[in-house]
Amino acid sequence: MSDATFSRLLDAVRELAGKRPAIVHCSSGNRVGPVSSLFMLEQASAVAQAMRVGLRSAELTEQALEYVRSRQGI
């Protein structure tokens, strides 16, 4: 996923969360895992949580973590 995709997903979830509870879903859990990691501050916790919801792709894991690392402190 590109940074732009992560940003759009994060913006959409934040907008929904401000209005009502939201569920982010995909059929395998592999794509929702990186999205859930955007909300975690500690990387080990983020990866563990993402794997619990179905993340299996090492490539998506690294892309999500890179996105989070690049925006820490913003």
C-alpha atoms as a PDB file:
ATOM      1  CA  MET A   1       0.000   0.000   0.000  1.00  0.00           C
ATOM      2  CA  SER A   2       1.233   3.472  -0.744  1.00  0.00           C
ATOM      3  CA  ASP A   3       1.558   6.252   1.827  1.00  0.00           C
ATOM      4  CA  ALA A   4      -1.373   7.966   0.129  1.00  0.00           C
ATOM      5  CA  THR A   5      -3.541   4.877   0.662  1.00  0.00           C
ATOM      6  CA  PHE A   6      -2.554   4.656   4.331  1.00  0.00           C
ATOM      7  CA  SER A   7      -3.319   8.361   4.753  1.00  0.00           C
ATOM      8  CA  ARG A   8      -6.757   8.056   3.120  1.00  0.00           C
ATOM      9  CA  LEU A   9      -7.639   5.042   5.272  1.00  0.00           C
ATOM     10  CA  LEU A  10      -6.444   6.747   8.438  1.00  0.00           C
ATOM     11  CA  ASP A  11      -8.409   9.898   7.611  1.00  0.00           C
ATOM     12  CA  ALA A  12     -11.566   7.878   6.873  1.00  0.00           C
ATOM     13  CA  VAL A  13     -11.364   5.890  10.106  1.00  0.00           C
ATOM     14  CA  ARG A  14     -10.645   9.006  12.163  1.00  0.00           C
ATOM     15  CA  GLU A  15     -13.638  10.752  10.601  1.00  0.00           C
ATOM     16  CA  LEU A  16     -15.926   7.807  11.376  1.00  0.00           C
ATOM     17  CA  ALA A  17     -14.515   7.374  14.880  1.00  0.00           C
ATOM     18  CA  GLY A  18     -15.377  10.961  15.670  1.00  0.00           C
ATOM     19  CA  LYS A  19     -19.017  10.279  14.847  1.00  0.00           C
ATOM     20  CA  ARG A  20     -19.668   6.676  15.928  1.00  0.00           C
ATOM     21  CA  PRO A  21     -17.936   3.329  16.492  1.00  0.00           C
ATOM     22  CA  ALA A  22     -16.418   1.917  13.323  1.00  0.00           C
ATOM     23  CA  ILE A  23     -15.265  -1.503  12.188  1.00  0.00           C
ATOM     24  CA  VAL A  24     -12.583  -1.896   9.539  1.00  0.00           C
ATOM     25  CA  HIS A  25     -12.918  -5.241   7.750  1.00  0.00           C
ATOM     26  CA  CYS A  26     -11.448  -7.227   4.911  1.00  0.00           C
ATOM     27  CA  SER A  27     -12.145 -10.845   4.021  1.00  0.00           C
ATOM     28  CA  SER A  28      -8.711 -12.172   5.006  1.00  0.00           C
ATOM     29  CA  GLY A  29      -7.669  -9.709   7.695  1.00  0.00           C
ATOM     30  CA  ASN A  30      -4.411  -9.228   5.820  1.00  0.00           C
ATOM     31  CA  ARG A  31      -5.286  -5.729   4.659  1.00  0.00           C
ATOM     32  CA  VAL A  32      -7.008  -4.550   7.837  1.00  0.00           C
ATOM     33  CA  GLY A  33      -3.953  -5.474   9.920  1.00  0.00           C
ATOM     34  CA  PRO A  34      -1.795  -2.640   8.611  1.00  0.00           C
ATOM     35  CA  VAL A  35      -4.651  -0.179   9.047  1.00  0.00           C
ATOM     36  CA  SER A  36      -5.107  -1.162  12.694  1.00  0.00           C
ATOM     37  CA  SER A  37      -1.381  -0.730  13.275  1.00  0.00           C
ATOM     38  CA  LEU A  38      -1.672   2.950  12.383  1.00  0.00           C
ATOM     39  CA  PHE A  39      -3.440   3.492  15.690  1.00  0.00           C
ATOM     40  CA  MET A  40      -0.801   1.780  17.822  1.00  0.00           C
ATOM     41  CA  LEU A  41       2.094   3.678  19.359  1.00  0.00           C
ATOM     42  CA  GLU A  42       4.355   0.757  20.233  1.00  0.00           C
ATOM     43  CA  GLN A  43       5.488  -1.165  17.148  1.00  0.00           C
ATOM     44  CA  ALA A  44       5.651  -4.601  18.818  1.00  0.00           C
ATOM     45  CA  SER A  45       2.074  -4.164  20.034  1.00  0.00           C
ATOM     46  CA  ALA A  46       0.997  -2.961  16.600  1.00  0.00           C
ATOM     47  CA  VAL A  47       2.392  -6.015  14.843  1.00  0.00           C
ATOM     48  CA  ALA A  48       0.932  -8.408  17.423  1.00  0.00           C
ATOM     49  CA  GLN A  49      -2.499  -6.770  17.142  1.00  0.00           C
ATOM     50  CA  ALA A  50      -2.365  -6.771  13.351  1.00  0.00           C
ATOM     51  CA  MET A  51      -1.477 -10.474  13.344  1.00  0.00           C
ATOM     52  CA  ARG A  52      -4.368 -11.227  15.718  1.00  0.00           C
ATOM     53  CA  VAL A  53      -6.798  -9.691  13.215  1.00  0.00           C
ATOM     54  CA  GLY A  54      -5.323 -11.605  10.295  1.00  0.00           C
ATOM     55  CA  LEU A  55      -2.208  -9.891   8.931  1.00  0.00           C
ATOM     56  CA  ARG A  56       0.081 -12.448   7.300  1.00  0.00           C
ATOM     57  CA  SER A  57       2.018 -10.408   4.745  1.00  0.00           C
ATOM     58  CA  ALA A  58       5.549  -9.439   5.761  1.00  0.00           C
ATOM     59  CA  GLU A  59       5.534  -6.846   2.980  1.00  0.00           C
ATOM     60  CA  LEU A  60       2.355  -5.136   4.235  1.00  0.00           C
ATOM     61  CA  THR A  61       3.678  -5.293   7.808  1.00  0.00           C
ATOM     62  CA  GLU A  62       6.862  -3.473   6.817  1.00  0.00           C
ATOM     63  CA  GLN A  63       4.957  -0.914   4.733  1.00  0.00           C
ATOM     64  CA  ALA A  64       2.640  -0.126   7.649  1.00  0.00           C
ATOM     65  CA  LEU A  65       5.506   0.129  10.136  1.00  0.00           C
ATOM     66  CA  GLU A  66       7.471   2.378   7.788  1.00  0.00           C
ATOM     67  CA  TYR A  67       4.421   4.613   7.420  1.00  0.00           C
ATOM     68  CA  VAL A  68       4.037   4.830  11.221  1.00  0.00           C
ATOM     69  CA  ARG A  69       7.772   5.454  11.775  1.00  0.00           C
ATOM     70  CA  SER A  70       7.829   8.192   9.156  1.00  0.00           C
ATOM     71  CA  ARG A  71       4.996  10.044  10.903  1.00  0.00           C
ATOM     72  CA  GLN A  72       5.908   9.640  14.570  1.00  0.00           C
ATOM     73  CA  GLY A  73       5.977  12.951  16.294  1.00  0.00           C
ATOM     74  CA  ILE A  74       3.482  14.552  13.905  1.00  0.00           C
END
